Structures are given as C-alpha cells and as structure tokens.
Amino acid sequence: MKEPDEQLRALLKQWREIEPKTNFESNVLRRIHLAHTEEPGRMTVLELLLRRWLWRPALAVAAAVVVSVIVGSSAGVLTSRKPMTAASGELQFLGSGTLAGGYVKLTTENKR
C-alpha cells in the first residue's frame, strides 16, 4: 500500500471513540445504489425525441428547419388563390369592375 494510506490507518486505529458497524461499507454502497437506480419504464415518443434527438444542437437546428419549412409551405398552400378555370379566366376582362365590362353593360341596356 501507499505510505499515506498506512499513516491514515495508523491514525484511525488510535481513534477508538466511534467504531462503524461491521457492514457499514456495504450499507453505504447499497444506499448509493438504491438512490441512483431509476425504474426502467417505457419512453413516450415525445420523451425520446426530446431526450435523445433534440438534446444535440445540430439535430435541434435541423428539426427547427424542417418544422419551419412544413409550416411555411402549408401556410402558402392554404392562403394561395384558387386556380381559375379556362372559361372564367377568358371572360374575366368582361367583369363588372372593368372598363370593357362596363361598356358591355351599357350597350346591352340600351338595346332593351
């Protein structure tokens, strides 16, 4: 053994006021083991995602980019105008709010 360990043992042998029980070391180790033991249970998908994947910064940034692309593209699709059919697109210049539409309305009212 090392010399400081032997000196320490010699000092401890002189100190007889407090003597630990014979199973003191095993009791301490058992308490430490019981304190650190966690019950293995099932992990939910959210816990798995948060603990294992998103704890790493690179994966967290990648996940944020994916979520933002999905949200942005779905918002763009939902707020875009509906495509017009060919028939309504061709006659749109004759609508009531256009100059040609107003002219058509005036000429057809005079004929009645």
PDB file of N, CA and C in Angstrom:
ATOM      1  N   MET A   1       0.831  -1.194   0.000  1.00  0.00           N
ATOM      2  CA  MET A   1       0.000   0.000   0.000  1.00  0.00           C
ATOM      3  C   MET A   1       0.864   1.241   0.000  1.00  0.00           C
ATOM      4  N   LYS A   2       0.227   2.332  -0.265  1.00  0.00           N
ATOM      5  CA  LYS A   2       0.934   3.603  -0.257  1.00  0.00           C
ATOM      6  C   LYS A   2       1.201   4.042   1.179  1.00  0.00           C
ATOM      7  N   GLU A   3       2.204   4.822   1.325  1.00  0.00           N
ATOM      8  CA  GLU A   3       2.587   5.270   2.665  1.00  0.00           C
ATOM      9  C   GLU A   3       1.534   6.160   3.320  1.00  0.00           C
ATOM     10  N   PRO A   4       0.906   7.118   2.590  1.00  0.00           N
ATOM     11  CA  PRO A   4      -0.127   7.931   3.255  1.00  0.00           C
ATOM     12  C   PRO A   4      -1.306   7.088   3.729  1.00  0.00           C
ATOM     13  N   ASP A   5      -1.646   6.021   2.982  1.00  0.00           N
ATOM     14  CA  ASP A   5      -2.750   5.150   3.403  1.00  0.00           C
ATOM     15  C   ASP A   5      -2.411   4.452   4.712  1.00  0.00           C
ATOM     16  N   GLU A   6      -1.197   4.022   4.862  1.00  0.00           N
ATOM     17  CA  GLU A   6      -0.795   3.338   6.100  1.00  0.00           C
ATOM     18  C   GLU A   6      -0.757   4.305   7.266  1.00  0.00           C
ATOM     19  N   GLN A   7      -0.333   5.527   6.996  1.00  0.00           N
ATOM     20  CA  GLN A   7      -0.340   6.528   8.064  1.00  0.00           C
ATOM     21  C   GLN A   7      -1.771   6.831   8.493  1.00  0.00           C
ATOM     22  N   LEU A   8      -2.648   6.895   7.530  1.00  0.00           N
ATOM     23  CA  LEU A   8      -4.048   7.141   7.840  1.00  0.00           C
ATOM     24  C   LEU A   8      -4.634   5.986   8.643  1.00  0.00           C
ATOM     25  N   ARG A   9      -4.320   4.777   8.275  1.00  0.00           N
ATOM     26  CA  ARG A   9      -4.816   3.612   9.024  1.00  0.00           C
ATOM     27  C   ARG A   9      -4.291   3.624  10.450  1.00  0.00           C
ATOM     28  N   ALA A  10      -3.041   3.980  10.614  1.00  0.00           N
ATOM     29  CA  ALA A  10      -2.471   4.028  11.967  1.00  0.00           C
ATOM     30  C   ALA A  10      -3.190   5.069  12.815  1.00  0.00           C
ATOM     31  N   LEU A  11      -3.489   6.224  12.219  1.00  0.00           N
ATOM     32  CA  LEU A  11      -4.228   7.256  12.952  1.00  0.00           C
ATOM     33  C   LEU A  11      -5.646   6.801  13.274  1.00  0.00           C
ATOM     34  N   LEU A  12      -6.278   6.131  12.335  1.00  0.00           N
ATOM     35  CA  LEU A  12      -7.647   5.662  12.578  1.00  0.00           C
ATOM     36  C   LEU A  12      -7.691   4.565  13.642  1.00  0.00           C
ATOM     37  N   LYS A  13      -6.676   3.765  13.736  1.00  0.00           N
ATOM     38  CA  LYS A  13      -6.635   2.725  14.778  1.00  0.00           C
ATOM     39  C   LYS A  13      -6.496   3.347  16.159  1.00  0.00           C
ATOM     40  N   GLN A  14      -5.851   4.505  16.241  1.00  0.00           N
ATOM     41  CA  GLN A  14      -5.718   5.182  17.524  1.00  0.00           C
ATOM     42  C   GLN A  14      -7.040   5.818  17.947  1.00  0.00           C
ATOM     43  N   TRP A  15      -7.844   6.164  17.000  1.00  0.00           N
ATOM     44  CA  TRP A  15      -9.108   6.843  17.299  1.00  0.00           C
ATOM     45  C   TRP A  15     -10.180   5.794  17.528  1.00  0.00           C
ATOM     46  N   ARG A  16     -10.515   5.534  18.740  1.00  0.00           N
ATOM     47  CA  ARG A  16     -11.441   4.462  19.104  1.00  0.00           C
ATOM     48  C   ARG A  16     -12.805   4.974  19.578  1.00  0.00           C
ATOM     49  N   GLU A  17     -13.047   6.247  19.506  1.00  0.00           N
ATOM     50  CA  GLU A  17     -14.296   6.793  20.036  1.00  0.00           C
ATOM     51  C   GLU A  17     -15.510   6.309  19.227  1.00  0.00           C
ATOM     52  N   ILE A  18     -15.404   6.318  17.900  1.00  0.00           N
ATOM     53  CA  ILE A  18     -16.523   5.912  17.051  1.00  0.00           C
ATOM     54  C   ILE A  18     -16.070   4.728  16.210  1.00  0.00           C
ATOM     55  N   GLU A  19     -16.783   3.660  16.345  1.00  0.00           N
ATOM     56  CA  GLU A  19     -16.480   2.497  15.510  1.00  0.00           C
ATOM     57  C   GLU A  19     -17.692   2.210  14.630  1.00  0.00           C
ATOM     58  N   PRO A  20     -17.483   2.150  13.339  1.00  0.00           N
ATOM     59  CA  PRO A  20     -18.619   1.829  12.463  1.00  0.00           C
ATOM     60  C   PRO A  20     -19.001   0.363  12.601  1.00  0.00           C
ATOM     61  N   LYS A  21     -20.222   0.080  12.201  1.00  0.00           N
ATOM     62  CA  LYS A  21     -20.693  -1.300  12.235  1.00  0.00           C
ATOM     63  C   LYS A  21     -19.886  -2.123  11.239  1.00  0.00           C
ATOM     64  N   THR A  22     -19.976  -3.421  11.373  1.00  0.00           N
ATOM     65  CA  THR A  22     -19.186  -4.294  10.506  1.00  0.00           C
ATOM     66  C   THR A  22     -19.640  -4.226   9.052  1.00  0.00           C
ATOM     67  N   ASN A  23     -20.913  -3.981   8.812  1.00  0.00           N
ATOM     68  CA  ASN A  23     -21.416  -3.911   7.433  1.00  0.00           C
ATOM     69  C   ASN A  23     -21.643  -2.462   6.985  1.00  0.00           C
ATOM     70  N   PHE A  24     -20.879  -1.532   7.541  1.00  0.00           N
ATOM     71  CA  PHE A  24     -21.040  -0.109   7.225  1.00  0.00           C
ATOM     72  C   PHE A  24     -20.806   0.154   5.733  1.00  0.00           C
ATOM     73  N   GLU A  25     -19.744  -0.376   5.192  1.00  0.00           N
ATOM     74  CA  GLU A  25     -19.415  -0.120   3.789  1.00  0.00           C
ATOM     75  C   GLU A  25     -20.470  -0.694   2.850  1.00  0.00           C
ATOM     76  N   SER A  26     -20.935  -1.890   3.128  1.00  0.00           N
ATOM     77  CA  SER A  26     -21.959  -2.482   2.260  1.00  0.00           C
ATOM     78  C   SER A  26     -23.279  -1.725   2.360  1.00  0.00           C
ATOM     79  N   ASN A  27     -23.596  -1.215   3.558  1.00  0.00           N
ATOM     80  CA  ASN A  27     -24.817  -0.405   3.702  1.00  0.00           C
ATOM     81  C   ASN A  27     -24.717   0.901   2.917  1.00  0.00           C
ATOM     82  N   VAL A  28     -23.560   1.534   2.961  1.00  0.00           N
ATOM     83  CA  VAL A  28     -23.375   2.781   2.213  1.00  0.00           C
ATOM     84  C   VAL A  28     -23.494   2.526   0.717  1.00  0.00           C
ATOM     85  N   LEU A  29     -22.853   1.472   0.238  1.00  0.00           N
ATOM     86  CA  LEU A  29     -22.929   1.148  -1.184  1.00  0.00           C
ATOM     87  C   LEU A  29     -24.352   0.781  -1.601  1.00  0.00           C
ATOM     88  N   ARG A  30     -25.059   0.090  -0.738  1.00  0.00           N
ATOM     89  CA  ARG A  30     -26.446  -0.271  -1.045  1.00  0.00           C
ATOM     90  C   ARG A  30     -27.314   0.976  -1.138  1.00  0.00           C
ATOM     91  N   ARG A  31     -27.132   1.931  -0.226  1.00  0.00           N
ATOM     92  CA  ARG A  31     -27.919   3.172  -0.262  1.00  0.00           C
ATOM     93  C   ARG A  31     -27.595   3.998  -1.509  1.00  0.00           C
ATOM     94  N   ILE A  32     -26.333   4.041  -1.863  1.00  0.00           N
ATOM     95  CA  ILE A  32     -25.948   4.764  -3.083  1.00  0.00           C
ATOM     96  C   ILE A  32     -26.579   4.117  -4.302  1.00  0.00           C
ATOM     97  N   HIS A  33     -26.541   2.794  -4.339  1.00  0.00           N
ATOM     98  CA  HIS A  33     -27.126   2.075  -5.470  1.00  0.00           C
ATOM     99  C   HIS A  33     -28.638   2.307  -5.549  1.00  0.00           C
ATOM    100  N   LEU A  34     -29.305   2.278  -4.411  1.00  0.00           N
ATOM    101  CA  LEU A  34     -30.752   2.492  -4.402  1.00  0.00           C
ATOM    102  C   LEU A  34     -31.112   3.931  -4.768  1.00  0.00           C
ATOM    103  N   ALA A  35     -30.271   4.876  -4.402  1.00  0.00           N
ATOM    104  CA  ALA A  35     -30.564   6.279  -4.705  1.00  0.00           C
ATOM    105  C   ALA A  35     -30.427   6.567  -6.195  1.00  0.00           C
ATOM    106  N   HIS A  36     -29.500   5.891  -6.866  1.00  0.00           N
ATOM    107  CA  HIS A  36     -29.262   6.157  -8.286  1.00  0.00           C
ATOM    108  C   HIS A  36     -30.036   5.243  -9.214  1.00  0.00           C
ATOM    109  N   THR A  37     -30.691   4.275  -8.700  1.00  0.00           N
ATOM    110  CA  THR A  37     -31.437   3.348  -9.543  1.00  0.00           C
ATOM    111  C   THR A  37     -32.754   3.990  -9.955  1.00  0.00           C
ATOM    112  N   GLU A  38     -32.964   4.045 -11.238  1.00  0.00           N
ATOM    113  CA  GLU A  38     -34.229   4.545 -11.765  1.00  0.00           C
ATOM    114  C   GLU A  38     -35.018   3.375 -12.314  1.00  0.00           C
ATOM    115  N   GLU A  39     -36.303   3.513 -12.220  1.00  0.00           N
ATOM    116  CA  GLU A  39     -37.159   2.459 -12.718  1.00  0.00           C
ATOM    117  C   GLU A  39     -37.168   2.485 -14.240  1.00  0.00           C
ATOM    118  N   PRO A  40     -36.753   1.409 -14.877  1.00  0.00           N
ATOM    119  CA  PRO A  40     -36.807   1.423 -16.345  1.00  0.00           C
ATOM    120  C   PRO A  40     -38.255   1.313 -16.804  1.00  0.00           C
ATOM    121  N   GLY A  41     -38.714   2.343 -17.464  1.00  0.00           N
ATOM    122  CA  GLY A  41     -40.087   2.357 -17.942  1.00  0.00           C
ATOM    123  C   GLY A  41     -40.115   2.631 -19.425  1.00  0.00           C
ATOM    124  N   ARG A  42     -41.284   2.634 -19.959  1.00  0.00           N
ATOM    125  CA  ARG A  42     -41.422   2.931 -21.378  1.00  0.00           C
ATOM    126  C   ARG A  42     -41.268   4.423 -21.595  1.00  0.00           C
ATOM    127  N   MET A  43     -40.616   4.755 -22.665  1.00  0.00           N
ATOM    128  CA  MET A  43     -40.456   6.165 -23.021  1.00  0.00           C
ATOM    129  C   MET A  43     -41.477   6.505 -24.095  1.00  0.00           C
ATOM    130  N   THR A  44     -42.132   7.616 -23.907  1.00  0.00           N
ATOM    131  CA  THR A  44     -43.053   8.059 -24.945  1.00  0.00           C
ATOM    132  C   THR A  44     -42.243   8.617 -26.108  1.00  0.00           C
ATOM    133  N   VAL A  45     -42.907   8.831 -27.211  1.00  0.00           N
ATOM    134  CA  VAL A  45     -42.227   9.347 -28.395  1.00  0.00           C
ATOM    135  C   VAL A  45     -41.695  10.753 -28.128  1.00  0.00           C
ATOM    136  N   LEU A  46     -42.457  11.545 -27.396  1.00  0.00           N
ATOM    137  CA  LEU A  46     -42.024  12.896 -27.086  1.00  0.00           C
ATOM    138  C   LEU A  46     -40.775  12.881 -26.210  1.00  0.00           C
ATOM    139  N   GLU A  47     -40.747  12.019 -25.201  1.00  0.00           N
ATOM    140  CA  GLU A  47     -39.550  11.915 -24.354  1.00  0.00           C
ATOM    141  C   GLU A  47     -38.347  11.443 -25.164  1.00  0.00           C
ATOM    142  N   LEU A  48     -38.567  10.491 -26.030  1.00  0.00           N
ATOM    143  CA  LEU A  48     -37.474  10.005 -26.873  1.00  0.00           C
ATOM    144  C   LEU A  48     -36.956  11.119 -27.770  1.00  0.00           C
ATOM    145  N   LEU A  49     -37.865  11.881 -28.344  1.00  0.00           N
ATOM    146  CA  LEU A  49     -37.484  12.981 -29.225  1.00  0.00           C
ATOM    147  C   LEU A  49     -36.719  14.047 -28.456  1.00  0.00           C
ATOM    148  N   LEU A  50     -37.231  14.425 -27.299  1.00  0.00           N
ATOM    149  CA  LEU A  50     -36.588  15.491 -26.537  1.00  0.00           C
ATOM    150  C   LEU A  50     -35.271  15.058 -25.917  1.00  0.00           C
ATOM    151  N   ARG A  51     -35.203  13.878 -25.370  1.00  0.00           N
ATOM    152  CA  ARG A  51     -34.001  13.448 -24.660  1.00  0.00           C
ATOM    153  C   ARG A  51     -32.867  13.045 -25.587  1.00  0.00           C
ATOM    154  N   ARG A  52     -33.178  12.317 -26.611  1.00  0.00           N
ATOM    155  CA  ARG A  52     -32.106  11.746 -27.420  1.00  0.00           C
ATOM    156  C   ARG A  52     -31.768  12.559 -28.655  1.00  0.00           C
ATOM    157  N   TRP A  53     -32.762  13.132 -29.307  1.00  0.00           N
ATOM    158  CA  TRP A  53     -32.505  13.796 -30.577  1.00  0.00           C
ATOM    159  C   TRP A  53     -32.312  15.288 -30.404  1.00  0.00           C
ATOM    160  N   LEU A  54     -33.229  15.938 -29.741  1.00  0.00           N
ATOM    161  CA  LEU A  54     -33.185  17.393 -29.677  1.00  0.00           C
ATOM    162  C   LEU A  54     -32.204  17.910 -28.632  1.00  0.00           C
ATOM    163  N   TRP A  55     -31.591  17.047 -27.857  1.00  0.00           N
ATOM    164  CA  TRP A  55     -30.609  17.486 -26.883  1.00  0.00           C
ATOM    165  C   TRP A  55     -29.328  17.911 -27.586  1.00  0.00           C
ATOM    166  N   ARG A  56     -29.088  17.371 -28.751  1.00  0.00           N
ATOM    167  CA  ARG A  56     -27.902  17.730 -29.529  1.00  0.00           C
ATOM    168  C   ARG A  56     -28.229  18.961 -30.372  1.00  0.00           C
ATOM    169  N   PRO A  57     -27.380  19.977 -30.335  1.00  0.00           N
ATOM    170  CA  PRO A  57     -27.699  21.234 -31.031  1.00  0.00           C
ATOM    171  C   PRO A  57     -27.883  21.088 -32.537  1.00  0.00           C
ATOM    172  N   ALA A  58     -27.070  20.276 -33.192  1.00  0.00           N
ATOM    173  CA  ALA A  58     -27.191  20.144 -34.646  1.00  0.00           C
ATOM    174  C   ALA A  58     -28.531  19.529 -35.028  1.00  0.00           C
ATOM    175  N   LEU A  59     -28.963  18.525 -34.281  1.00  0.00           N
ATOM    176  CA  LEU A  59     -30.248  17.903 -34.577  1.00  0.00           C
ATOM    177  C   LEU A  59     -31.406  18.827 -34.231  1.00  0.00           C
ATOM    178  N   ALA A  60     -31.244  19.638 -33.193  1.00  0.00           N
ATOM    179  CA  ALA A  60     -32.297  20.590 -32.838  1.00  0.00           C
ATOM    180  C   ALA A  60     -32.475  21.633 -33.931  1.00  0.00           C
ATOM    181  N   VAL A  61     -31.376  22.120 -34.493  1.00  0.00           N
ATOM    182  CA  VAL A  61     -31.468  23.100 -35.581  1.00  0.00           C
ATOM    183  C   VAL A  61     -32.096  22.465 -36.817  1.00  0.00           C
ATOM    184  N   ALA A  62     -31.702  21.238 -37.129  1.00  0.00           N
ATOM    185  CA  ALA A  62     -32.283  20.555 -38.282  1.00  0.00           C
ATOM    186  C   ALA A  62     -33.785  20.345 -38.095  1.00  0.00           C
ATOM    187  N   ALA A  63     -34.193  19.978 -36.896  1.00  0.00           N
ATOM    188  CA  ALA A  63     -35.623  19.795 -36.630  1.00  0.00           C
ATOM    189  C   ALA A  63     -36.375  21.115 -36.749  1.00  0.00           C
ATOM    190  N   ALA A  64     -35.779  22.213 -36.293  1.00  0.00           N
ATOM    191  CA  ALA A  64     -36.429  23.519 -36.404  1.00  0.00           C
ATOM    192  C   ALA A  64     -36.581  23.929 -37.863  1.00  0.00           C
ATOM    193  N   VAL A  65     -35.590  23.630 -38.682  1.00  0.00           N
ATOM    194  CA  VAL A  65     -35.670  23.958 -40.109  1.00  0.00           C
ATOM    195  C   VAL A  65     -36.768  23.153 -40.782  1.00  0.00           C
ATOM    196  N   VAL A  66     -36.851  21.875 -40.470  1.00  0.00           N
ATOM    197  CA  VAL A  66     -37.885  21.016 -41.068  1.00  0.00           C
ATOM    198  C   VAL A  66     -39.270  21.498 -40.670  1.00  0.00           C
ATOM    199  N   VAL A  67     -39.460  21.815 -39.395  1.00  0.00           N
ATOM    200  CA  VAL A  67     -40.769  22.284 -38.935  1.00  0.00           C
ATOM    201  C   VAL A  67     -41.130  23.607 -39.600  1.00  0.00           C
ATOM    202  N   SER A  68     -40.168  24.518 -39.719  1.00  0.00           N
ATOM    203  CA  SER A  68     -40.478  25.806 -40.341  1.00  0.00           C
ATOM    204  C   SER A  68     -40.793  25.663 -41.826  1.00  0.00           C
ATOM    205  N   VAL A  69     -40.123  24.751 -42.521  1.00  0.00           N
ATOM    206  CA  VAL A  69     -40.432  24.523 -43.938  1.00  0.00           C
ATOM    207  C   VAL A  69     -41.828  23.945 -44.081  1.00  0.00           C
ATOM    208  N   ILE A  70     -42.187  23.015 -43.231  1.00  0.00           N
ATOM    209  CA  ILE A  70     -43.530  22.409 -43.298  1.00  0.00           C
ATOM    210  C   ILE A  70     -44.600  23.451 -43.002  1.00  0.00           C
ATOM    211  N   VAL A  71     -44.401  24.250 -41.964  1.00  0.00           N
ATOM    212  CA  VAL A  71     -45.398  25.260 -41.606  1.00  0.00           C
ATOM    213  C   VAL A  71     -45.490  26.323 -42.699  1.00  0.00           C
ATOM    214  N   GLY A  72     -44.364  26.771 -43.219  1.00  0.00           N
ATOM    215  CA  GLY A  72     -44.376  27.797 -44.256  1.00  0.00           C
ATOM    216  C   GLY A  72     -45.020  27.331 -45.544  1.00  0.00           C
ATOM    217  N   SER A  73     -44.695  26.122 -45.967  1.00  0.00           N
ATOM    218  CA  SER A  73     -45.283  25.628 -47.217  1.00  0.00           C
ATOM    219  C   SER A  73     -46.772  25.354 -47.069  1.00  0.00           C
ATOM    220  N   SER A  74     -47.194  24.826 -45.924  1.00  0.00           N
ATOM    221  CA  SER A  74     -48.626  24.581 -45.752  1.00  0.00           C
ATOM    222  C   SER A  74     -49.396  25.892 -45.644  1.00  0.00           C
ATOM    223  N   ALA A  75     -48.793  26.903 -45.014  1.00  0.00           N
ATOM    224  CA  ALA A  75     -49.466  28.204 -44.951  1.00  0.00           C
ATOM    225  C   ALA A  75     -49.554  28.820 -46.343  1.00  0.00           C
ATOM    226  N   GLY A  76     -48.534  28.642 -47.155  1.00  0.00           N
ATOM    227  CA  GLY A  76     -48.574  29.152 -48.520  1.00  0.00           C
ATOM    228  C   GLY A  76     -49.628  28.478 -49.365  1.00  0.00           C
ATOM    229  N   VAL A  77     -49.761  27.183 -49.202  1.00  0.00           N
ATOM    230  CA  VAL A  77     -50.765  26.442 -49.968  1.00  0.00           C
ATOM    231  C   VAL A  77     -52.169  26.833 -49.525  1.00  0.00           C
ATOM    232  N   LEU A  78     -52.372  26.999 -48.228  1.00  0.00           N
ATOM    233  CA  LEU A  78     -53.711  27.310 -47.730  1.00  0.00           C
ATOM    234  C   LEU A  78     -54.142  28.738 -48.045  1.00  0.00           C
ATOM    235  N   THR A  79     -53.208  29.665 -48.151  1.00  0.00           N
ATOM    236  CA  THR A  79     -53.590  31.056 -48.385  1.00  0.00           C
ATOM    237  C   THR A  79     -53.502  31.475 -49.848  1.00  0.00           C
ATOM    238  N   SER A  80     -53.060  30.603 -50.716  1.00  0.00           N
ATOM    239  CA  SER A  80     -52.960  30.973 -52.130  1.00  0.00           C
ATOM    240  C   SER A  80     -54.341  30.990 -52.772  1.00  0.00           C
ATOM    241  N   ARG A  81     -54.456  31.740 -53.862  1.00  0.00           N
ATOM    242  CA  ARG A  81     -55.735  31.810 -54.579  1.00  0.00           C
ATOM    243  C   ARG A  81     -56.000  30.499 -55.294  1.00  0.00           C
ATOM    244  N   LYS A  82     -57.247  30.222 -55.461  1.00  0.00           N
ATOM    245  CA  LYS A  82     -57.643  29.016 -56.175  1.00  0.00           C
ATOM    246  C   LYS A  82     -57.400  29.235 -57.667  1.00  0.00           C
ATOM    247  N   PRO A  83     -56.929  28.226 -58.358  1.00  0.00           N
ATOM    248  CA  PRO A  83     -56.712  28.396 -59.801  1.00  0.00           C
ATOM    249  C   PRO A  83     -58.050  28.548 -60.529  1.00  0.00           C
ATOM    250  N   MET A  84     -58.057  29.426 -61.538  1.00  0.00           N
ATOM    251  CA  MET A  84     -59.281  29.668 -62.293  1.00  0.00           C
ATOM    252  C   MET A  84     -59.393  28.682 -63.440  1.00  0.00           C
ATOM    253  N   THR A  85     -60.611  28.409 -63.769  1.00  0.00           N
ATOM    254  CA  THR A  85     -60.835  27.558 -64.926  1.00  0.00           C
ATOM    255  C   THR A  85     -60.635  28.385 -66.193  1.00  0.00           C
ATOM    256  N   ALA A  86     -60.490  27.729 -67.278  1.00  0.00           N
ATOM    257  CA  ALA A  86     -60.229  28.433 -68.546  1.00  0.00           C
ATOM    258  C   ALA A  86     -61.412  29.311 -68.936  1.00  0.00           C
ATOM    259  N   ALA A  87     -62.632  28.848 -68.696  1.00  0.00           N
ATOM    260  CA  ALA A  87     -63.812  29.619 -69.114  1.00  0.00           C
ATOM    261  C   ALA A  87     -63.936  30.903 -68.323  1.00  0.00           C
ATOM    262  N   SER A  88     -63.745  30.860 -67.024  1.00  0.00           N
ATOM    263  CA  SER A  88     -63.885  32.080 -66.235  1.00  0.00           C
ATOM    264  C   SER A  88     -62.681  32.983 -66.420  1.00  0.00           C
ATOM    265  N   GLY A  89     -61.533  32.428 -66.701  1.00  0.00           N
ATOM    266  CA  GLY A  89     -60.330  33.232 -66.930  1.00  0.00           C
ATOM    267  C   GLY A  89     -60.402  33.997 -68.237  1.00  0.00           C
ATOM    268  N   GLU A  90     -61.033  33.424 -69.256  1.00  0.00           N
ATOM    269  CA  GLU A  90     -61.122  34.103 -70.550  1.00  0.00           C
ATOM    270  C   GLU A  90     -62.087  35.271 -70.507  1.00  0.00           C
ATOM    271  N   LEU A  91     -63.139  35.173 -69.745  1.00  0.00           N
ATOM    272  CA  LEU A  91     -64.154  36.217 -69.712  1.00  0.00           C
ATOM    273  C   LEU A  91     -64.005  37.148 -68.516  1.00  0.00           C
ATOM    274  N   GLN A  92     -62.909  37.061 -67.810  1.00  0.00           N
ATOM    275  CA  GLN A  92     -62.735  37.882 -66.634  1.00  0.00           C
ATOM    276  C   GLN A  92     -62.598  39.362 -66.995  1.00  0.00           C
ATOM    277  N   PHE A  93     -62.104  39.657 -68.168  1.00  0.00           N
ATOM    278  CA  PHE A  93     -61.965  41.056 -68.580  1.00  0.00           C
ATOM    279  C   PHE A  93     -63.321  41.711 -68.818  1.00  0.00           C
ATOM    280  N   LEU A  94     -64.385  40.900 -68.910  1.00  0.00           N
ATOM    281  CA  LEU A  94     -65.734  41.454 -69.089  1.00  0.00           C
ATOM    282  C   LEU A  94     -66.478  41.579 -67.767  1.00  0.00           C
ATOM    283  N   GLY A  95     -65.786  41.472 -66.645  1.00  0.00           N
ATOM    284  CA  GLY A  95     -66.429  41.590 -65.339  1.00  0.00           C
ATOM    285  C   GLY A  95     -66.975  42.991 -65.116  1.00  0.00           C
ATOM    286  N   SER A  96     -67.829  43.157 -64.094  1.00  0.00           N
ATOM    287  CA  SER A  96     -68.494  44.436 -63.868  1.00  0.00           C
ATOM    288  C   SER A  96     -67.535  45.525 -63.399  1.00  0.00           C
ATOM    289  N   GLY A  97     -66.401  45.190 -62.865  1.00  0.00           N
ATOM    290  CA  GLY A  97     -65.465  46.184 -62.373  1.00  0.00           C
ATOM    291  C   GLY A  97     -64.462  46.651 -63.408  1.00  0.00           C
ATOM    292  N   THR A  98     -64.516  46.141 -64.633  1.00  0.00           N
ATOM    293  CA  THR A  98     -63.542  46.536 -65.659  1.00  0.00           C
ATOM    294  C   THR A  98     -64.179  47.498 -66.649  1.00  0.00           C
ATOM    295  N   LEU A  99     -63.350  48.166 -67.428  1.00  0.00           N
ATOM    296  CA  LEU A  99     -63.822  49.123 -68.433  1.00  0.00           C
ATOM    297  C   LEU A  99     -64.605  48.416 -69.539  1.00  0.00           C
ATOM    298  N   ALA A 100     -64.094  47.268 -69.969  1.00  0.00           N
ATOM    299  CA  ALA A 100     -64.790  46.523 -71.029  1.00  0.00           C
ATOM    300  C   ALA A 100     -66.113  45.985 -70.519  1.00  0.00           C
ATOM    301  N   GLY A 101     -66.125  45.544 -69.263  1.00  0.00           N
ATOM    302  CA  GLY A 101     -67.381  45.042 -68.691  1.00  0.00           C
ATOM    303  C   GLY A 101     -68.417  46.140 -68.565  1.00  0.00           C
ATOM    304  N   GLY A 102     -67.984  47.342 -68.174  1.00  0.00           N
ATOM    305  CA  GLY A 102     -68.907  48.476 -68.102  1.00  0.00           C
ATOM    306  C   GLY A 102     -69.455  48.848 -69.472  1.00  0.00           C
ATOM    307  N   TYR A 103     -68.625  48.787 -70.486  1.00  0.00           N
ATOM    308  CA  TYR A 103     -69.056  49.092 -71.862  1.00  0.00           C
ATOM    309  C   TYR A 103     -70.072  48.071 -72.344  1.00  0.00           C
ATOM    310  N   VAL A 104     -69.832  46.804 -72.072  1.00  0.00           N
ATOM    311  CA  VAL A 104     -70.766  45.752 -72.470  1.00  0.00           C
ATOM    312  C   VAL A 104     -72.102  45.957 -71.765  1.00  0.00           C
ATOM    313  N   LYS A 105     -72.058  46.327 -70.493  1.00  0.00           N
ATOM    314  CA  LYS A 105     -73.282  46.539 -69.732  1.00  0.00           C
ATOM    315  C   LYS A 105     -74.084  47.732 -70.317  1.00  0.00           C
ATOM    316  N   LEU A 106     -73.388  48.797 -70.665  1.00  0.00           N
ATOM    317  CA  LEU A 106     -74.063  49.966 -71.240  1.00  0.00           C
ATOM    318  C   LEU A 106     -74.676  49.655 -72.591  1.00  0.00           C
ATOM    319  N   THR A 107     -73.975  48.920 -73.424  1.00  0.00           N
ATOM    320  CA  THR A 107     -74.502  48.634 -74.763  1.00  0.00           C
ATOM    321  C   THR A 107     -75.651  47.653 -74.713  1.00  0.00           C
ATOM    322  N   THR A 108     -75.668  46.746 -73.790  1.00  0.00           N
ATOM    323  CA  THR A 108     -76.765  45.788 -73.727  1.00  0.00           C
ATOM    324  C   THR A 108     -78.004  46.407 -73.080  1.00  0.00           C
ATOM    325  N   GLU A 109     -77.862  47.385 -72.186  1.00  0.00           N
ATOM    326  CA  GLU A 109     -79.021  48.024 -71.570  1.00  0.00           C
ATOM    327  C   GLU A 109     -79.738  48.924 -72.584  1.00  0.00           C
ATOM    328  N   ASN A 110     -79.025  49.536 -73.476  1.00  0.00           N
ATOM    329  CA  ASN A 110     -79.633  50.422 -74.469  1.00  0.00           C
ATOM    330  C   ASN A 110     -80.458  49.640 -75.475  1.00  0.00           C
ATOM    331  N   LYS A 111     -80.071  48.417 -75.735  1.00  0.00           N
ATOM    332  CA  LYS A 111     -80.814  47.610 -76.698  1.00  0.00           C
ATOM    333  C   LYS A 111     -82.106  47.078 -76.126  1.00  0.00           C
ATOM    334  N   ARG A 112     -82.283  47.058 -74.905  1.00  0.00           N
ATOM    335  CA  ARG A 112     -83.516  46.503 -74.303  1.00  0.00           C
ATOM    336  C   ARG A 112     -84.590  47.473 -74.384  1.00  0.00           C
TER     337      ARG A 112
END
